[in-house]
Structures are given as C-alpha cells and as structure tokens.
Amino acid sequence: MNNTSKPEIAIAPPFTLTPRTRAAPGRVSNQGKITATDSREYVERREELKGRRNKSALDVLKERYAKGEISSEEFQQMKKEHSVNC
C-alpha cells in the first residue's frame, strides 16, 4: 500500500462507502468491519502458510541459513539435532 493522500475506501453493509482507517498489522481496522483489503491479505497469508506446511524441518532450516537468519555454526548444530531426532 502506498502513502498517498487519498484514503482507501471499503464497502460495508448496507453497501455504503466508508473510509478505511490504517491500523497496525494484527489490529482491528475500520471499526471492526472486514474489508476487501483484509480479505486479500488473509488469502495471501494463507497461501504463504500452505506452502510452509509442505516443507520439512530441514528445508526450513536451509532456507533460514540461506537468508542469513542463522550462522553456519547454528545451522550445523540444528542440523545435527534434527538428524538425532528423526
């Protein structure tokens, strides 16, 4: 979303146009009404999580290492612990 001066508009029952207030992620926005933007964000997040469910723990570990989220030492230790637990 961009930070322009135009407010986002949401359609709410009984199908009136109301300005959508910006809220921090995870907070209720627009007086508790579900908006099209909220629905789109939900679907995007659901799809992202769906892809994660199909990955093994080792795949996730490799991704974290590739992204630089963990060091080589942490990667080796976690990999070793994973192989012991399997």
PDB file of N, CA and C in Angstrom:
ATOM      1  N   MET A   1       0.844  -1.173   0.000  1.00  0.00           N
ATOM      2  CA  MET A   1       0.000   0.000   0.000  1.00  0.00           C
ATOM      3  C   MET A   1       0.887   1.233   0.000  1.00  0.00           C
ATOM      4  N   ASN A   2       0.452   2.246  -0.667  1.00  0.00           N
ATOM      5  CA  ASN A   2       1.255   3.454  -0.728  1.00  0.00           C
ATOM      6  C   ASN A   2       0.704   4.496   0.230  1.00  0.00           C
ATOM      7  N   ASN A   3       1.515   5.513   0.493  1.00  0.00           N
ATOM      8  CA  ASN A   3       1.126   6.556   1.431  1.00  0.00           C
ATOM      9  C   ASN A   3       0.708   7.811   0.683  1.00  0.00           C
ATOM     10  N   THR A   4      -0.335   7.741  -0.086  1.00  0.00           N
ATOM     11  CA  THR A   4      -0.833   8.909  -0.783  1.00  0.00           C
ATOM     12  C   THR A   4      -1.870   9.581   0.085  1.00  0.00           C
ATOM     13  N   SER A   5      -2.310  10.747  -0.322  1.00  0.00           N
ATOM     14  CA  SER A   5      -3.285  11.480   0.478  1.00  0.00           C
ATOM     15  C   SER A   5      -4.697  10.953   0.313  1.00  0.00           C
ATOM     16  N   LYS A   6      -4.925  10.078  -0.662  1.00  0.00           N
ATOM     17  CA  LYS A   6      -6.261   9.531  -0.872  1.00  0.00           C
ATOM     18  C   LYS A   6      -6.522   8.404   0.124  1.00  0.00           C
ATOM     19  N   PRO A   7      -7.611   8.459   0.884  1.00  0.00           N
ATOM     20  CA  PRO A   7      -7.909   7.363   1.803  1.00  0.00           C
ATOM     21  C   PRO A   7      -8.429   6.154   1.042  1.00  0.00           C
ATOM     22  N   GLU A   8      -8.171   4.973   1.583  1.00  0.00           N
ATOM     23  CA  GLU A   8      -8.723   3.768   0.984  1.00  0.00           C
ATOM     24  C   GLU A   8     -10.205   3.721   1.306  1.00  0.00           C
ATOM     25  N   ILE A   9     -10.967   3.148   0.414  1.00  0.00           N
ATOM     26  CA  ILE A   9     -12.416   3.070   0.589  1.00  0.00           C
ATOM     27  C   ILE A   9     -12.811   1.605   0.719  1.00  0.00           C
ATOM     28  N   ALA A  10     -13.694   1.320   1.650  1.00  0.00           N
ATOM     29  CA  ALA A  10     -14.207  -0.040   1.826  1.00  0.00           C
ATOM     30  C   ALA A  10     -15.717  -0.016   1.687  1.00  0.00           C
ATOM     31  N   ILE A  11     -16.260  -1.097   1.148  1.00  0.00           N
ATOM     32  CA  ILE A  11     -17.709  -1.206   1.037  1.00  0.00           C
ATOM     33  C   ILE A  11     -18.184  -2.018   2.234  1.00  0.00           C
ATOM     34  N   ALA A  12     -19.097  -1.455   3.006  1.00  0.00           N
ATOM     35  CA  ALA A  12     -19.602  -2.128   4.203  1.00  0.00           C
ATOM     36  C   ALA A  12     -21.122  -2.157   4.156  1.00  0.00           C
ATOM     37  N   PRO A  13     -21.732  -3.193   4.709  1.00  0.00           N
ATOM     38  CA  PRO A  13     -23.197  -3.257   4.716  1.00  0.00           C
ATOM     39  C   PRO A  13     -23.776  -2.017   5.364  1.00  0.00           C
ATOM     40  N   PRO A  14     -24.806  -1.446   4.888  1.00  0.00           N
ATOM     41  CA  PRO A  14     -25.576  -1.827   3.707  1.00  0.00           C
ATOM     42  C   PRO A  14     -24.984  -1.241   2.437  1.00  0.00           C
ATOM     43  N   PHE A  15     -23.751  -1.604   2.133  1.00  0.00           N
ATOM     44  CA  PHE A  15     -23.042  -1.219   0.916  1.00  0.00           C
ATOM     45  C   PHE A  15     -22.871   0.285   0.771  1.00  0.00           C
ATOM     46  N   THR A  16     -22.392   0.877   1.818  1.00  0.00           N
ATOM     47  CA  THR A  16     -22.047   2.298   1.795  1.00  0.00           C
ATOM     48  C   THR A  16     -20.529   2.407   1.707  1.00  0.00           C
ATOM     49  N   LEU A  17     -20.061   3.502   1.166  1.00  0.00           N
ATOM     50  CA  LEU A  17     -18.625   3.722   1.086  1.00  0.00           C
ATOM     51  C   LEU A  17     -18.162   4.384   2.371  1.00  0.00           C
ATOM     52  N   THR A  18     -17.184   3.772   3.018  1.00  0.00           N
ATOM     53  CA  THR A  18     -16.633   4.342   4.241  1.00  0.00           C
ATOM     54  C   THR A  18     -15.123   4.383   4.110  1.00  0.00           C
ATOM     55  N   PRO A  19     -14.472   5.413   4.632  1.00  0.00           N
ATOM     56  CA  PRO A  19     -13.015   5.447   4.562  1.00  0.00           C
ATOM     57  C   PRO A  19     -12.426   4.347   5.442  1.00  0.00           C
ATOM     58  N   ARG A  20     -11.383   3.729   4.974  1.00  0.00           N
ATOM     59  CA  ARG A  20     -10.736   2.652   5.726  1.00  0.00           C
ATOM     60  C   ARG A  20      -9.585   3.248   6.514  1.00  0.00           C
ATOM     61  N   THR A  21      -9.599   3.058   7.799  1.00  0.00           N
ATOM     62  CA  THR A  21      -8.519   3.575   8.633  1.00  0.00           C
ATOM     63  C   THR A  21      -7.356   2.603   8.601  1.00  0.00           C
ATOM     64  N   ARG A  22      -6.156   3.139   8.686  1.00  0.00           N
ATOM     65  CA  ARG A  22      -4.976   2.281   8.700  1.00  0.00           C
ATOM     66  C   ARG A  22      -4.717   1.851  10.140  1.00  0.00           C
ATOM     67  N   ALA A  23      -4.433   0.588  10.307  1.00  0.00           N
ATOM     68  CA  ALA A  23      -4.130   0.053  11.628  1.00  0.00           C
ATOM     69  C   ALA A  23      -2.874  -0.800  11.522  1.00  0.00           C
ATOM     70  N   ALA A  24      -2.224  -0.978  12.635  1.00  0.00           N
ATOM     71  CA  ALA A  24      -1.037  -1.829  12.653  1.00  0.00           C
ATOM     72  C   ALA A  24      -1.447  -3.259  12.332  1.00  0.00           C
ATOM     73  N   PRO A  25      -0.540  -4.046  11.744  1.00  0.00           N
ATOM     74  CA  PRO A  25      -0.880  -5.436  11.437  1.00  0.00           C
ATOM     75  C   PRO A  25      -1.371  -6.164  12.682  1.00  0.00           C
ATOM     76  N   GLY A  26      -2.422  -6.933  12.508  1.00  0.00           N
ATOM     77  CA  GLY A  26      -2.986  -7.678  13.618  1.00  0.00           C
ATOM     78  C   GLY A  26      -4.001  -6.903  14.429  1.00  0.00           C
ATOM     79  N   ARG A  27      -4.214  -5.660  14.104  1.00  0.00           N
ATOM     80  CA  ARG A  27      -5.179  -4.839  14.830  1.00  0.00           C
ATOM     81  C   ARG A  27      -6.469  -4.741  14.032  1.00  0.00           C
ATOM     82  N   VAL A  28      -7.561  -4.504  14.728  1.00  0.00           N
ATOM     83  CA  VAL A  28      -8.855  -4.335  14.058  1.00  0.00           C
ATOM     84  C   VAL A  28      -8.866  -2.975  13.387  1.00  0.00           C
ATOM     85  N   SER A  29      -9.278  -2.942  12.125  1.00  0.00           N
ATOM     86  CA  SER A  29      -9.338  -1.684  11.393  1.00  0.00           C
ATOM     87  C   SER A  29     -10.751  -1.418  10.934  1.00  0.00           C
ATOM     88  N   ASN A  30     -11.023  -0.199  10.588  1.00  0.00           N
ATOM     89  CA  ASN A  30     -12.302   0.211  10.021  1.00  0.00           C
ATOM     90  C   ASN A  30     -13.473  -0.183  10.918  1.00  0.00           C
ATOM     91  N   GLN A  31     -13.366   0.154  12.181  1.00  0.00           N
ATOM     92  CA  GLN A  31     -14.426  -0.091  13.158  1.00  0.00           C
ATOM     93  C   GLN A  31     -14.825  -1.566  13.221  1.00  0.00           C
ATOM     94  N   GLY A  32     -13.881  -2.473  13.054  1.00  0.00           N
ATOM     95  CA  GLY A  32     -14.142  -3.898  13.175  1.00  0.00           C
ATOM     96  C   GLY A  32     -14.752  -4.552  11.954  1.00  0.00           C
ATOM     97  N   LYS A  33     -14.919  -3.815  10.865  1.00  0.00           N
ATOM     98  CA  LYS A  33     -15.517  -4.382   9.653  1.00  0.00           C
ATOM     99  C   LYS A  33     -14.442  -5.061   8.811  1.00  0.00           C
ATOM    100  N   ILE A  34     -14.800  -6.140   8.178  1.00  0.00           N
ATOM    101  CA  ILE A  34     -13.872  -6.829   7.278  1.00  0.00           C
ATOM    102  C   ILE A  34     -13.952  -6.155   5.916  1.00  0.00           C
ATOM    103  N   THR A  35     -12.802  -5.790   5.379  1.00  0.00           N
ATOM    104  CA  THR A  35     -12.754  -5.102   4.093  1.00  0.00           C
ATOM    105  C   THR A  35     -12.143  -6.013   3.039  1.00  0.00           C
ATOM    106  N   ALA A  36     -12.237  -5.597   1.800  1.00  0.00           N
ATOM    107  CA  ALA A  36     -11.651  -6.370   0.700  1.00  0.00           C
ATOM    108  C   ALA A  36     -10.145  -6.503   0.886  1.00  0.00           C
ATOM    109  N   THR A  37      -9.508  -5.451   1.388  1.00  0.00           N
ATOM    110  CA  THR A  37      -8.066  -5.496   1.622  1.00  0.00           C
ATOM    111  C   THR A  37      -7.741  -6.527   2.690  1.00  0.00           C
ATOM    112  N   ASP A  38      -8.532  -6.557   3.763  1.00  0.00           N
ATOM    113  CA  ASP A  38      -8.319  -7.544   4.818  1.00  0.00           C
ATOM    114  C   ASP A  38      -8.446  -8.954   4.258  1.00  0.00           C
ATOM    115  N   SER A  39      -9.442  -9.172   3.423  1.00  0.00           N
ATOM    116  CA  SER A  39      -9.667 -10.494   2.837  1.00  0.00           C
ATOM    117  C   SER A  39      -8.506 -10.901   1.944  1.00  0.00           C
ATOM    118  N   ARG A  40      -8.003  -9.956   1.141  1.00  0.00           N
ATOM    119  CA  ARG A  40      -6.877 -10.248   0.253  1.00  0.00           C
ATOM    120  C   ARG A  40      -5.638 -10.608   1.078  1.00  0.00           C
ATOM    121  N   GLU A  41      -5.385  -9.841   2.140  1.00  0.00           N
ATOM    122  CA  GLU A  41      -4.233 -10.114   2.990  1.00  0.00           C
ATOM    123  C   GLU A  41      -4.360 -11.485   3.653  1.00  0.00           C
ATOM    124  N   TYR A  42      -5.571 -11.850   4.051  1.00  0.00           N
ATOM    125  CA  TYR A  42      -5.808 -13.163   4.653  1.00  0.00           C
ATOM    126  C   TYR A  42      -5.482 -14.277   3.654  1.00  0.00           C
ATOM    127  N   VAL A  43      -5.961 -14.129   2.432  1.00  0.00           N
ATOM    128  CA  VAL A  43      -5.727 -15.151   1.407  1.00  0.00           C
ATOM    129  C   VAL A  43      -4.236 -15.261   1.105  1.00  0.00           C
ATOM    130  N   GLU A  44      -3.546 -14.119   0.991  1.00  0.00           N
ATOM    131  CA  GLU A  44      -2.110 -14.143   0.716  1.00  0.00           C
ATOM    132  C   GLU A  44      -1.360 -14.855   1.837  1.00  0.00           C
ATOM    133  N   ARG A  45      -1.706 -14.545   3.067  1.00  0.00           N
ATOM    134  CA  ARG A  45      -1.036 -15.167   4.218  1.00  0.00           C
ATOM    135  C   ARG A  45      -1.340 -16.667   4.273  1.00  0.00           C
ATOM    136  N   ARG A  46      -2.590 -17.030   3.979  1.00  0.00           N
ATOM    137  CA  ARG A  46      -2.979 -18.439   3.988  1.00  0.00           C
ATOM    138  C   ARG A  46      -2.176 -19.223   2.952  1.00  0.00           C
ATOM    139  N   GLU A  47      -2.005 -18.636   1.761  1.00  0.00           N
ATOM    140  CA  GLU A  47      -1.235 -19.302   0.708  1.00  0.00           C
ATOM    141  C   GLU A  47       0.231 -19.451   1.115  1.00  0.00           C
ATOM    142  N   GLU A  48       0.760 -18.420   1.770  1.00  0.00           N
ATOM    143  CA  GLU A  48       2.146 -18.479   2.226  1.00  0.00           C
ATOM    144  C   GLU A  48       2.323 -19.606   3.250  1.00  0.00           C
ATOM    145  N   LEU A  49       1.395 -19.717   4.183  1.00  0.00           N
ATOM    146  CA  LEU A  49       1.478 -20.759   5.198  1.00  0.00           C
ATOM    147  C   LEU A  49       1.255 -22.146   4.608  1.00  0.00           C
ATOM    148  N   LYS A  50       0.405 -22.234   3.607  1.00  0.00           N
ATOM    149  CA  LYS A  50       0.130 -23.521   2.966  1.00  0.00           C
ATOM    150  C   LYS A  50       1.418 -24.087   2.366  1.00  0.00           C
ATOM    151  N   GLY A  51       2.225 -23.232   1.769  1.00  0.00           N
ATOM    152  CA  GLY A  51       3.490 -23.666   1.196  1.00  0.00           C
ATOM    153  C   GLY A  51       4.461 -24.150   2.259  1.00  0.00           C
ATOM    154  N   ARG A  52       4.422 -23.547   3.428  1.00  0.00           N
ATOM    155  CA  ARG A  52       5.316 -23.951   4.511  1.00  0.00           C
ATOM    156  C   ARG A  52       4.967 -25.322   5.065  1.00  0.00           C
ATOM    157  N   ARG A  53       3.702 -25.669   5.052  1.00  0.00           N
ATOM    158  CA  ARG A  53       3.284 -26.952   5.617  1.00  0.00           C
ATOM    159  C   ARG A  53       3.891 -28.124   4.854  1.00  0.00           C
ATOM    160  N   ASN A  54       4.207 -27.919   3.597  1.00  0.00           N
ATOM    161  CA  ASN A  54       4.741 -28.995   2.773  1.00  0.00           C
ATOM    162  C   ASN A  54       6.257 -29.125   2.876  1.00  0.00           C
ATOM    163  N   LYS A  55       6.909 -28.237   3.615  1.00  0.00           N
ATOM    164  CA  LYS A  55       8.364 -28.261   3.730  1.00  0.00           C
ATOM    165  C   LYS A  55       8.778 -29.039   4.975  1.00  0.00           C
ATOM    166  N   SER A  56       9.876 -29.741   4.848  1.00  0.00           N
ATOM    167  CA  SER A  56      10.418 -30.446   6.009  1.00  0.00           C
ATOM    168  C   SER A  56      11.139 -29.445   6.909  1.00  0.00           C
ATOM    169  N   ALA A  57      11.415 -29.869   8.117  1.00  0.00           N
ATOM    170  CA  ALA A  57      12.146 -29.017   9.052  1.00  0.00           C
ATOM    171  C   ALA A  57      13.525 -28.679   8.496  1.00  0.00           C
ATOM    172  N   LEU A  58      14.135 -29.643   7.824  1.00  0.00           N
ATOM    173  CA  LEU A  58      15.458 -29.412   7.243  1.00  0.00           C
ATOM    174  C   LEU A  58      15.392 -28.383   6.115  1.00  0.00           C
ATOM    175  N   ASP A  59      14.325 -28.419   5.318  1.00  0.00           N
ATOM    176  CA  ASP A  59      14.150 -27.426   4.251  1.00  0.00           C
ATOM    177  C   ASP A  59      14.031 -26.018   4.834  1.00  0.00           C
ATOM    178  N   VAL A  60      13.256 -25.893   5.898  1.00  0.00           N
ATOM    179  CA  VAL A  60      13.087 -24.586   6.546  1.00  0.00           C
ATOM    180  C   VAL A  60      14.421 -24.121   7.117  1.00  0.00           C
ATOM    181  N   LEU A  61      15.166 -25.031   7.718  1.00  0.00           N
ATOM    182  CA  LEU A  61      16.480 -24.711   8.270  1.00  0.00           C
ATOM    183  C   LEU A  61      17.427 -24.219   7.177  1.00  0.00           C
ATOM    184  N   LYS A  62      17.429 -24.905   6.037  1.00  0.00           N
ATOM    185  CA  LYS A  62      18.277 -24.493   4.908  1.00  0.00           C
ATOM    186  C   LYS A  62      17.894 -23.106   4.403  1.00  0.00           C
ATOM    187  N   GLU A  63      16.597 -22.825   4.343  1.00  0.00           N
ATOM    188  CA  GLU A  63      16.139 -21.500   3.905  1.00  0.00           C
ATOM    189  C   GLU A  63      16.598 -20.420   4.871  1.00  0.00           C
ATOM    190  N   ARG A  64      16.470 -20.678   6.161  1.00  0.00           N
ATOM    191  CA  ARG A  64      16.896 -19.692   7.160  1.00  0.00           C
ATOM    192  C   ARG A  64      18.391 -19.408   7.050  1.00  0.00           C
ATOM    193  N   TYR A  65      19.175 -20.450   6.799  1.00  0.00           N
ATOM    194  CA  TYR A  65      20.615 -20.278   6.629  1.00  0.00           C
ATOM    195  C   TYR A  65      20.907 -19.471   5.366  1.00  0.00           C
ATOM    196  N   ALA A  66      20.223 -19.793   4.286  1.00  0.00           N
ATOM    197  CA  ALA A  66      20.429 -19.084   3.020  1.00  0.00           C
ATOM    198  C   ALA A  66      20.063 -17.609   3.136  1.00  0.00           C
ATOM    199  N   LYS A  67      19.058 -17.290   3.934  1.00  0.00           N
ATOM    200  CA  LYS A  67      18.640 -15.896   4.124  1.00  0.00           C
ATOM    201  C   LYS A  67      19.549 -15.148   5.090  1.00  0.00           C
ATOM    202  N   GLY A  68      20.441 -15.872   5.762  1.00  0.00           N
ATOM    203  CA  GLY A  68      21.339 -15.227   6.720  1.00  0.00           C
ATOM    204  C   GLY A  68      20.713 -15.041   8.090  1.00  0.00           C
ATOM    205  N   GLU A  69      19.606 -15.715   8.345  1.00  0.00           N
ATOM    206  CA  GLU A  69      18.930 -15.587   9.638  1.00  0.00           C
ATOM    207  C   GLU A  69      19.675 -16.333  10.741  1.00  0.00           C
ATOM    208  N   ILE A  70      20.440 -17.355  10.369  1.00  0.00           N
ATOM    209  CA  ILE A  70      21.232 -18.110  11.339  1.00  0.00           C
ATOM    210  C   ILE A  70      22.652 -18.263  10.801  1.00  0.00           C
ATOM    211  N   SER A  71      23.598 -18.418  11.725  1.00  0.00           N
ATOM    212  CA  SER A  71      25.002 -18.560  11.331  1.00  0.00           C
ATOM    213  C   SER A  71      25.296 -19.996  10.908  1.00  0.00           C
ATOM    214  N   SER A  72      26.488 -20.189  10.371  1.00  0.00           N
ATOM    215  CA  SER A  72      26.921 -21.521   9.949  1.00  0.00           C
ATOM    216  C   SER A  72      26.959 -22.474  11.144  1.00  0.00           C
ATOM    217  N   GLU A  73      27.439 -21.966  12.277  1.00  0.00           N
ATOM    218  CA  GLU A  73      27.513 -22.793  13.484  1.00  0.00           C
ATOM    219  C   GLU A  73      26.116 -23.200  13.949  1.00  0.00           C
ATOM    220  N   GLU A  74      25.184 -22.234  13.944  1.00  0.00           N
ATOM    221  CA  GLU A  74      23.804 -22.538  14.342  1.00  0.00           C
ATOM    222  C   GLU A  74      23.183 -23.551  13.379  1.00  0.00           C
ATOM    223  N   PHE A  75      23.448 -23.373  12.090  1.00  0.00           N
ATOM    224  CA  PHE A  75      22.918 -24.292  11.086  1.00  0.00           C
ATOM    225  C   PHE A  75      23.412 -25.711  11.342  1.00  0.00           C
ATOM    226  N   GLN A  76      24.729 -25.854  11.544  1.00  0.00           N
ATOM    227  CA  GLN A  76      25.306 -27.183  11.762  1.00  0.00           C
ATOM    228  C   GLN A  76      24.753 -27.829  13.034  1.00  0.00           C
ATOM    229  N   GLN A  77      24.628 -27.037  14.101  1.00  0.00           N
ATOM    230  CA  GLN A  77      24.115 -27.567  15.367  1.00  0.00           C
ATOM    231  C   GLN A  77      22.660 -28.011  15.220  1.00  0.00           C
ATOM    232  N   MET A  78      21.837 -27.177  14.597  1.00  0.00           N
ATOM    233  CA  MET A  78      20.421 -27.517  14.418  1.00  0.00           C
ATOM    234  C   MET A  78      20.256 -28.719  13.490  1.00  0.00           C
ATOM    235  N   LYS A  79      21.090 -28.780  12.464  1.00  0.00           N
ATOM    236  CA  LYS A  79      21.037 -29.910  11.534  1.00  0.00           C
ATOM    237  C   LYS A  79      21.392 -31.204  12.265  1.00  0.00           C
ATOM    238  N   LYS A  80      22.417 -31.128  13.115  1.00  0.00           N
ATOM    239  CA  LYS A  80      22.835 -32.289  13.903  1.00  0.00           C
ATOM    240  C   LYS A  80      21.709 -32.723  14.845  1.00  0.00           C
ATOM    241  N   GLU A  81      21.085 -31.767  15.528  1.00  0.00           N
ATOM    242  CA  GLU A  81      19.978 -32.071  16.438  1.00  0.00           C
ATOM    243  C   GLU A  81      18.798 -32.669  15.678  1.00  0.00           C
ATOM    244  N   HIS A  82      18.542 -32.155  14.486  1.00  0.00           N
ATOM    245  CA  HIS A  82      17.426 -32.661  13.669  1.00  0.00           C
ATOM    246  C   HIS A  82      17.659 -34.119  13.282  1.00  0.00           C
ATOM    247  N   SER A  83      18.890 -34.446  12.876  1.00  0.00           N
ATOM    248  CA  SER A  83      19.173 -35.821  12.445  1.00  0.00           C
ATOM    249  C   SER A  83      19.086 -36.801  13.615  1.00  0.00           C
ATOM    250  N   VAL A  84      19.379 -36.352  14.821  1.00  0.00           N
ATOM    251  CA  VAL A  84      19.270 -37.203  16.008  1.00  0.00           C
ATOM    252  C   VAL A  84      17.803 -37.465  16.340  1.00  0.00           C
ATOM    253  N   ASN A  85      16.946 -36.460  16.147  1.00  0.00           N
ATOM    254  CA  ASN A  85      15.529 -36.570  16.499  1.00  0.00           C
ATOM    255  C   ASN A  85      14.700 -37.312  15.466  1.00  0.00           C
ATOM    256  N   CYS A  86      15.235 -37.547  14.286  1.00  0.00           N
ATOM    257  CA  CYS A  86      14.451 -38.216  13.233  1.00  0.00           C
ATOM    258  C   CYS A  86      14.601 -39.708  13.259  1.00  0.00           C
TER     259      CYS A  86
END
